[in-house]
Amino acid sequence: MSVKKNRRIPPLNALKAFEATARHQSITRAAEELCVTQAAVSQQVKQLEEYLDAKLLVRKGRKVTLTDQGRMYLPVLNTAFDALANQTHELFGNKNTTTLHIRSTYSFAQNWLCPRLGDFVHQYPNIKVRIIPSNTPIPEESENEPDIEILNGYGNWLDKQVEQITEDEWVVVASKELLTHYPMPAPIYHFESYPRITTLGYREGWKEWFELSDFGATFQPSMLEASSSCLAIQMAESGAGFLLVKRVLVQTSLDNEKLSIVHPEVMPSQSHHYMLTRPESSNQLAVKLFRKWLFSALSAQ
């Protein structure tokens, strides 16, 4: 790859002096912004004009106006300085900003956490949040261990601080479109012949839900199966069938009226959602603030 040498770029201080003067249309305000004297600003602008062999500013007393060449050159410098500032921040960050790494199950991240994160960022603008979706815990010795993990399970993780954040329960939901074909309320045995969606990977499902009402002997498996709650919820929202799902995962869909709970039979869940933190992270201010926000947001629904 060839490398350009001897780029013809004017002195940086001269560029900054002209850009500030042109933007403010004032040598005095440019000097205040750059923390130098007015004479220094004038000298830098003059140096730039000599370098370019072009007149950029017209000075009449205290008033400063741009020449045609100055007006064309100013947006070039604006764009260059903005790009430099943005890329510097992107690469090296704001030293006043704390980055909070959160690893969450796909279903909780997509269906509950991400739709509400804007509120947390609004409350704590100096905390940068990075979401890492995954369904398995990070080993203790991992170099990329997050500050917080949110997982579905039974609370039996070792070497981490574990807090239960939800009391999960299973509910039956459906879209408005589907309910035009299957009016509610309906007795529980009707659901055996209704189109049902099953989320694979859980210990509980439709069979256990039917058994709550002593109806399960002739249970027929669902004809619609999804490998994740995210896919199952999308199928339900599209009207494909009735979905048995953890309430917390469809709370956003319920709030947005994309889905509604269609049967009063609620099944307690064996597994729940937990927040895991490393011992060395639990006392970090960002972790404490997120924990406080998380429990408040969950209790409000």
Protein backbone atom coordinates (compact mmCIF):
# COMPACT_ATOMS: atom_id res chain seq x y z
CA MET A 1 0.00 0.00 0.00
CA SER A 2 1.42 3.36 -1.02
CA VAL A 3 1.82 6.07 1.58
CA LYS A 4 1.40 9.70 0.67
CA LYS A 5 4.35 11.79 1.76
CA ASN A 6 4.79 15.53 2.16
CA ARG A 7 1.10 16.36 2.38
CA ARG A 8 0.66 20.08 1.83
CA ILE A 9 -1.28 20.89 5.01
CA PRO A 10 -1.19 24.37 6.57
CA PRO A 11 -0.04 24.77 10.20
CA LEU A 12 -2.68 23.43 12.59
CA ASN A 13 -2.73 26.49 14.85
CA ALA A 14 -3.30 28.73 11.84
CA LEU A 15 -6.21 26.56 10.71
CA LYS A 16 -7.74 26.63 14.18
CA ALA A 17 -7.40 30.42 14.38
CA PHE A 18 -9.12 30.95 11.03
CA GLU A 19 -11.87 28.41 11.72
CA ALA A 20 -12.72 29.97 15.10
CA THR A 21 -12.59 33.52 13.73
CA ALA A 22 -14.75 32.65 10.73
CA ARG A 23 -17.25 30.72 12.84
CA HIS A 24 -17.65 33.55 15.35
CA GLN A 25 -16.99 36.31 12.80
CA SER A 26 -14.98 37.88 15.58
CA ILE A 27 -11.28 37.89 16.42
CA THR A 28 -12.11 38.71 20.04
CA ARG A 29 -14.39 35.68 20.52
CA ALA A 30 -11.94 33.43 18.67
CA ALA A 31 -9.17 34.55 21.02
CA GLU A 32 -11.38 33.77 24.03
CA GLU A 33 -12.18 30.29 22.70
CA LEU A 34 -8.54 29.47 21.93
CA CYS A 35 -7.23 31.08 25.14
CA VAL A 36 -4.74 33.30 23.29
CA THR A 37 -4.47 37.02 22.61
CA GLN A 38 -6.26 38.78 19.76
CA ALA A 39 -2.89 39.66 18.30
CA ALA A 40 -1.95 35.96 18.25
CA VAL A 41 -5.15 35.08 16.39
CA SER A 42 -4.59 37.83 13.83
CA GLN A 43 -1.00 36.68 13.32
CA GLN A 44 -2.09 33.03 12.82
CA VAL A 45 -4.77 34.01 10.29
CA LYS A 46 -2.26 36.16 8.41
CA GLN A 47 0.18 33.22 8.40
CA LEU A 48 -2.51 30.97 6.89
CA GLU A 49 -3.32 33.53 4.19
CA GLU A 50 0.36 33.80 3.27
CA TYR A 51 0.67 30.00 3.20
CA LEU A 52 -2.33 29.69 0.88
CA ASP A 53 -1.55 32.86 -1.03
CA ALA A 54 -5.19 33.82 -0.69
CA LYS A 55 -7.27 36.39 1.16
CA LEU A 56 -9.68 34.69 3.57
CA LEU A 57 -10.93 37.50 5.80
CA VAL A 58 -11.73 41.15 5.36
CA ARG A 59 -11.25 43.24 8.50
CA LYS A 60 -13.11 46.53 8.92
CA GLY A 61 -12.50 47.80 12.44
CA ARG A 62 -13.83 45.13 14.78
CA LYS A 63 -15.98 43.54 12.09
CA VAL A 64 -14.74 40.46 10.24
CA THR A 65 -16.28 39.12 7.03
CA LEU A 66 -15.32 36.19 4.86
CA THR A 67 -14.14 36.43 1.28
CA ASP A 68 -15.53 34.04 -1.31
CA GLN A 69 -12.52 31.74 -0.80
CA GLY A 70 -12.91 31.98 2.96
CA ARG A 71 -16.59 30.98 2.75
CA MET A 72 -15.68 27.93 0.65
CA TYR A 73 -12.80 26.93 2.95
CA LEU A 74 -14.71 27.19 6.26
CA PRO A 75 -17.03 24.12 5.80
CA VAL A 76 -13.99 22.05 4.80
CA LEU A 77 -12.35 22.85 8.12
CA ASN A 78 -15.60 22.37 10.06
CA THR A 79 -15.98 18.87 8.63
CA ALA A 80 -12.32 17.98 9.24
CA PHE A 81 -12.30 19.17 12.87
CA ASP A 82 -15.64 17.48 13.62
CA ALA A 83 -14.39 14.19 12.16
CA LEU A 84 -11.17 14.44 14.17
CA ALA A 85 -13.08 15.14 17.40
CA ASN A 86 -15.60 12.32 16.80
CA GLN A 87 -12.98 9.71 15.92
CA THR A 88 -10.81 10.70 18.87
CA HIS A 89 -13.77 10.24 21.20
CA GLU A 90 -14.71 6.94 19.55
CA LEU A 91 -11.20 5.50 19.78
CA PHE A 92 -10.04 6.86 23.11
CA GLY A 93 -13.29 7.66 24.88
CA ASN A 94 -14.39 10.31 27.29
CA LYS A 95 -12.41 9.99 30.50
CA ASN A 96 -15.53 11.06 32.42
CA THR A 97 -17.53 8.18 30.95
CA THR A 98 -17.84 4.75 32.58
CA THR A 99 -18.57 1.74 30.37
CA LEU A 100 -20.89 -0.86 31.87
CA HIS A 101 -20.68 -4.28 30.18
CA ILE A 102 -23.94 -6.23 30.51
CA ARG A 103 -24.30 -9.78 29.27
CA SER A 104 -27.93 -10.88 28.96
CA THR A 105 -29.95 -13.67 27.46
CA TYR A 106 -31.17 -12.83 23.97
CA SER A 107 -34.82 -12.98 24.99
CA PHE A 108 -34.52 -10.71 28.04
CA ALA A 109 -32.23 -8.27 26.24
CA GLN A 110 -34.43 -7.93 23.17
CA ASN A 111 -37.87 -8.11 24.74
CA TRP A 112 -37.42 -6.34 28.09
CA LEU A 113 -34.03 -4.68 28.65
CA CYS A 114 -33.28 -2.89 25.37
CA PRO A 115 -36.72 -1.23 25.03
CA ARG A 116 -36.17 0.35 28.47
CA LEU A 117 -32.45 1.18 28.43
CA GLY A 118 -33.10 4.67 27.13
CA ASP A 119 -34.53 5.60 30.52
CA PHE A 120 -31.35 4.43 32.29
CA VAL A 121 -29.10 6.34 29.89
CA HIS A 122 -31.26 9.43 30.32
CA GLN A 123 -30.87 9.23 34.09
CA TYR A 124 -27.14 8.47 33.98
CA PRO A 125 -25.71 10.04 30.79
CA ASN A 126 -22.09 9.43 31.85
CA ILE A 127 -22.56 5.65 31.93
CA LYS A 128 -22.00 3.99 28.58
CA VAL A 129 -23.87 0.67 28.32
CA ARG A 130 -22.63 -2.18 26.16
CA ILE A 131 -25.04 -5.12 25.73
CA ILE A 132 -23.59 -8.56 24.97
CA PRO A 133 -26.35 -11.10 24.15
CA SER A 134 -25.68 -14.71 25.14
CA ASN A 135 -27.52 -17.53 26.88
CA THR A 136 -24.63 -19.09 28.80
CA PRO A 137 -22.60 -17.72 31.73
CA ILE A 138 -19.04 -16.49 31.22
CA PRO A 139 -16.37 -18.62 32.94
CA GLU A 140 -14.78 -16.96 35.95
CA GLU A 141 -11.33 -16.94 34.35
CA SER A 142 -12.47 -15.24 31.14
CA GLU A 143 -10.58 -12.09 30.16
CA ASN A 144 -13.77 -10.52 28.77
CA GLU A 145 -15.99 -11.11 31.77
CA PRO A 146 -18.83 -8.57 31.91
CA ASP A 147 -19.70 -6.42 34.92
CA ILE A 148 -23.25 -7.78 35.03
CA GLU A 149 -24.93 -10.90 33.67
CA ILE A 150 -28.69 -11.43 33.40
CA LEU A 151 -29.54 -15.08 32.93
CA ASN A 152 -32.53 -17.38 33.14
CA GLY A 153 -32.07 -20.36 35.45
CA TYR A 154 -32.28 -21.69 38.97
CA GLY A 155 -29.84 -19.49 40.87
CA ASN A 156 -27.14 -22.13 41.22
CA TRP A 157 -24.15 -20.21 39.82
CA LEU A 158 -20.94 -20.31 41.81
CA ASP A 159 -18.22 -17.70 42.44
CA LYS A 160 -20.57 -14.79 41.70
CA GLN A 161 -23.04 -12.65 43.56
CA VAL A 162 -26.46 -13.93 42.50
CA GLU A 163 -29.74 -12.02 42.92
CA GLN A 164 -33.15 -13.10 41.68
CA ILE A 165 -34.72 -10.21 39.75
CA THR A 166 -38.02 -11.73 38.56
CA GLU A 167 -40.72 -14.04 39.91
CA ASP A 168 -41.54 -15.61 36.57
CA GLU A 169 -44.88 -17.03 35.56
CA TRP A 170 -46.25 -18.46 32.34
CA VAL A 171 -49.19 -16.83 30.56
CA VAL A 172 -51.04 -17.50 27.32
CA VAL A 173 -50.96 -14.61 24.86
CA ALA A 174 -52.22 -13.92 21.36
CA SER A 175 -52.52 -11.13 18.80
CA LYS A 176 -55.70 -9.23 18.02
CA GLU A 177 -55.68 -10.74 14.55
CA LEU A 178 -55.71 -14.28 15.91
CA LEU A 179 -58.52 -13.48 18.34
CA THR A 180 -60.81 -12.55 15.43
CA HIS A 181 -60.75 -16.26 14.52
CA TYR A 182 -60.69 -17.69 18.06
CA PRO A 183 -62.91 -15.55 20.32
CA MET A 184 -62.17 -15.41 24.03
CA PRO A 185 -62.93 -16.41 26.73
CA ALA A 186 -62.72 -20.09 25.88
CA PRO A 187 -62.48 -23.19 28.09
CA ILE A 188 -59.01 -24.60 28.53
CA TYR A 189 -59.67 -27.77 26.53
CA HIS A 190 -60.39 -25.71 23.41
CA PHE A 191 -56.72 -24.76 23.26
CA GLU A 192 -55.79 -28.35 22.40
CA SER A 193 -57.21 -27.81 18.91
CA TYR A 194 -56.08 -24.18 18.58
CA PRO A 195 -52.81 -23.29 16.82
CA ARG A 196 -50.17 -23.19 19.57
CA ILE A 197 -46.54 -22.06 19.59
CA THR A 198 -43.95 -23.86 21.68
CA THR A 199 -40.58 -22.42 22.72
CA LEU A 200 -38.01 -25.19 22.82
CA GLY A 201 -35.50 -25.58 25.65
CA TYR A 202 -37.73 -25.03 28.69
CA ARG A 203 -38.66 -27.71 31.23
CA GLU A 204 -42.21 -26.39 31.26
CA GLY A 205 -44.64 -26.04 28.39
CA TRP A 206 -48.14 -26.56 27.16
CA LYS A 207 -48.40 -30.05 28.64
CA GLU A 208 -47.77 -28.76 32.15
CA TRP A 209 -50.16 -25.85 31.59
CA PHE A 210 -52.97 -28.21 30.56
CA GLU A 211 -52.24 -30.43 33.58
CA LEU A 212 -52.96 -27.52 35.92
CA SER A 213 -56.62 -28.13 35.09
CA ASP A 214 -56.34 -31.94 35.07
CA PHE A 215 -56.33 -31.86 31.30
CA GLY A 216 -53.36 -33.59 29.78
CA ALA A 217 -54.14 -37.19 29.12
CA THR A 218 -54.90 -36.61 25.45
CA PHE A 219 -52.44 -33.74 25.01
CA GLN A 220 -51.27 -33.16 21.45
CA PRO A 221 -47.92 -31.40 20.81
CA SER A 222 -47.85 -27.99 19.13
CA MET A 223 -47.40 -27.83 15.39
CA LEU A 224 -45.40 -24.58 15.68
CA GLU A 225 -42.02 -24.67 17.43
CA ALA A 226 -39.40 -21.95 17.88
CA SER A 227 -35.82 -22.33 19.09
CA SER A 228 -35.94 -19.07 21.08
CA SER A 229 -38.44 -16.88 22.88
CA CYS A 230 -37.59 -14.03 20.51
CA LEU A 231 -38.74 -16.05 17.49
CA ALA A 232 -41.77 -17.40 19.33
CA ILE A 233 -42.90 -13.89 20.28
CA GLN A 234 -42.50 -12.70 16.69
CA MET A 235 -44.64 -15.60 15.53
CA ALA A 236 -47.32 -14.78 18.11
CA GLU A 237 -47.33 -11.08 17.17
CA SER A 238 -47.85 -12.04 13.53
CA GLY A 239 -50.95 -14.05 14.47
CA ALA A 240 -49.46 -17.50 13.88
CA GLY A 241 -50.82 -19.00 17.08
CA PHE A 242 -51.30 -18.85 20.84
CA LEU A 243 -48.08 -18.64 22.82
CA LEU A 244 -47.33 -19.87 26.33
CA VAL A 245 -44.56 -17.55 27.49
CA LYS A 246 -42.99 -15.97 30.54
CA ARG A 247 -44.84 -12.75 31.27
CA VAL A 248 -41.67 -10.65 31.67
CA LEU A 249 -40.61 -11.50 28.11
CA VAL A 250 -43.85 -10.17 26.59
CA GLN A 251 -44.37 -7.22 28.92
CA THR A 252 -43.32 -4.78 26.18
CA SER A 253 -45.67 -6.47 23.68
CA LEU A 254 -48.48 -6.27 26.26
CA ASP A 255 -47.77 -2.60 26.91
CA ASN A 256 -47.76 -1.89 23.16
CA GLU A 257 -50.96 -3.95 22.72
CA LYS A 258 -49.30 -6.18 20.16
CA LEU A 259 -50.29 -9.12 22.34
CA SER A 260 -52.79 -9.68 25.14
CA ILE A 261 -53.23 -12.30 27.85
CA VAL A 262 -56.17 -14.43 26.76
CA HIS A 263 -56.69 -16.93 29.60
CA PRO A 264 -56.71 -16.49 33.39
CA GLU A 265 -54.79 -19.72 34.00
CA VAL A 266 -51.28 -18.69 35.07
CA MET A 267 -48.52 -21.25 35.66
CA PRO A 268 -45.69 -20.52 38.13
CA SER A 269 -42.25 -21.02 36.60
CA GLN A 270 -39.53 -23.23 38.04
CA SER A 271 -36.82 -20.96 36.58
CA HIS A 272 -36.44 -17.22 36.98
CA HIS A 273 -34.19 -14.39 35.84
CA TYR A 274 -31.12 -13.57 37.91
CA MET A 275 -28.52 -10.84 37.98
CA LEU A 276 -24.95 -12.07 38.40
CA THR A 277 -22.07 -9.80 39.35
CA ARG A 278 -18.42 -10.45 40.00
CA PRO A 279 -17.37 -9.78 43.62
CA GLU A 280 -14.89 -7.15 42.41
CA SER A 281 -17.61 -5.40 40.35
CA SER A 282 -20.47 -5.35 42.87
CA ASN A 283 -19.24 -2.19 44.61
CA GLN A 284 -18.69 -0.19 41.42
CA LEU A 285 -20.93 2.87 41.26
CA ALA A 286 -22.19 2.06 37.74
CA VAL A 287 -23.17 -1.45 38.84
CA LYS A 288 -24.97 -0.12 41.92
CA LEU A 289 -26.87 2.46 39.87
CA PHE A 290 -27.88 -0.11 37.24
CA ARG A 291 -29.04 -2.53 39.94
CA LYS A 292 -31.17 0.18 41.55
CA TRP A 293 -32.66 1.16 38.19
CA LEU A 294 -33.30 -2.47 37.18
CA PHE A 295 -35.22 -3.40 40.33
CA SER A 296 -37.21 -0.16 40.13
CA ALA A 297 -38.15 -0.74 36.48
CA LEU A 298 -39.15 -4.36 37.11
CA SER A 299 -41.27 -3.48 40.14
CA ALA A 300 -43.10 -0.79 38.15
CA GLN A 301 -44.56 -3.20 35.60
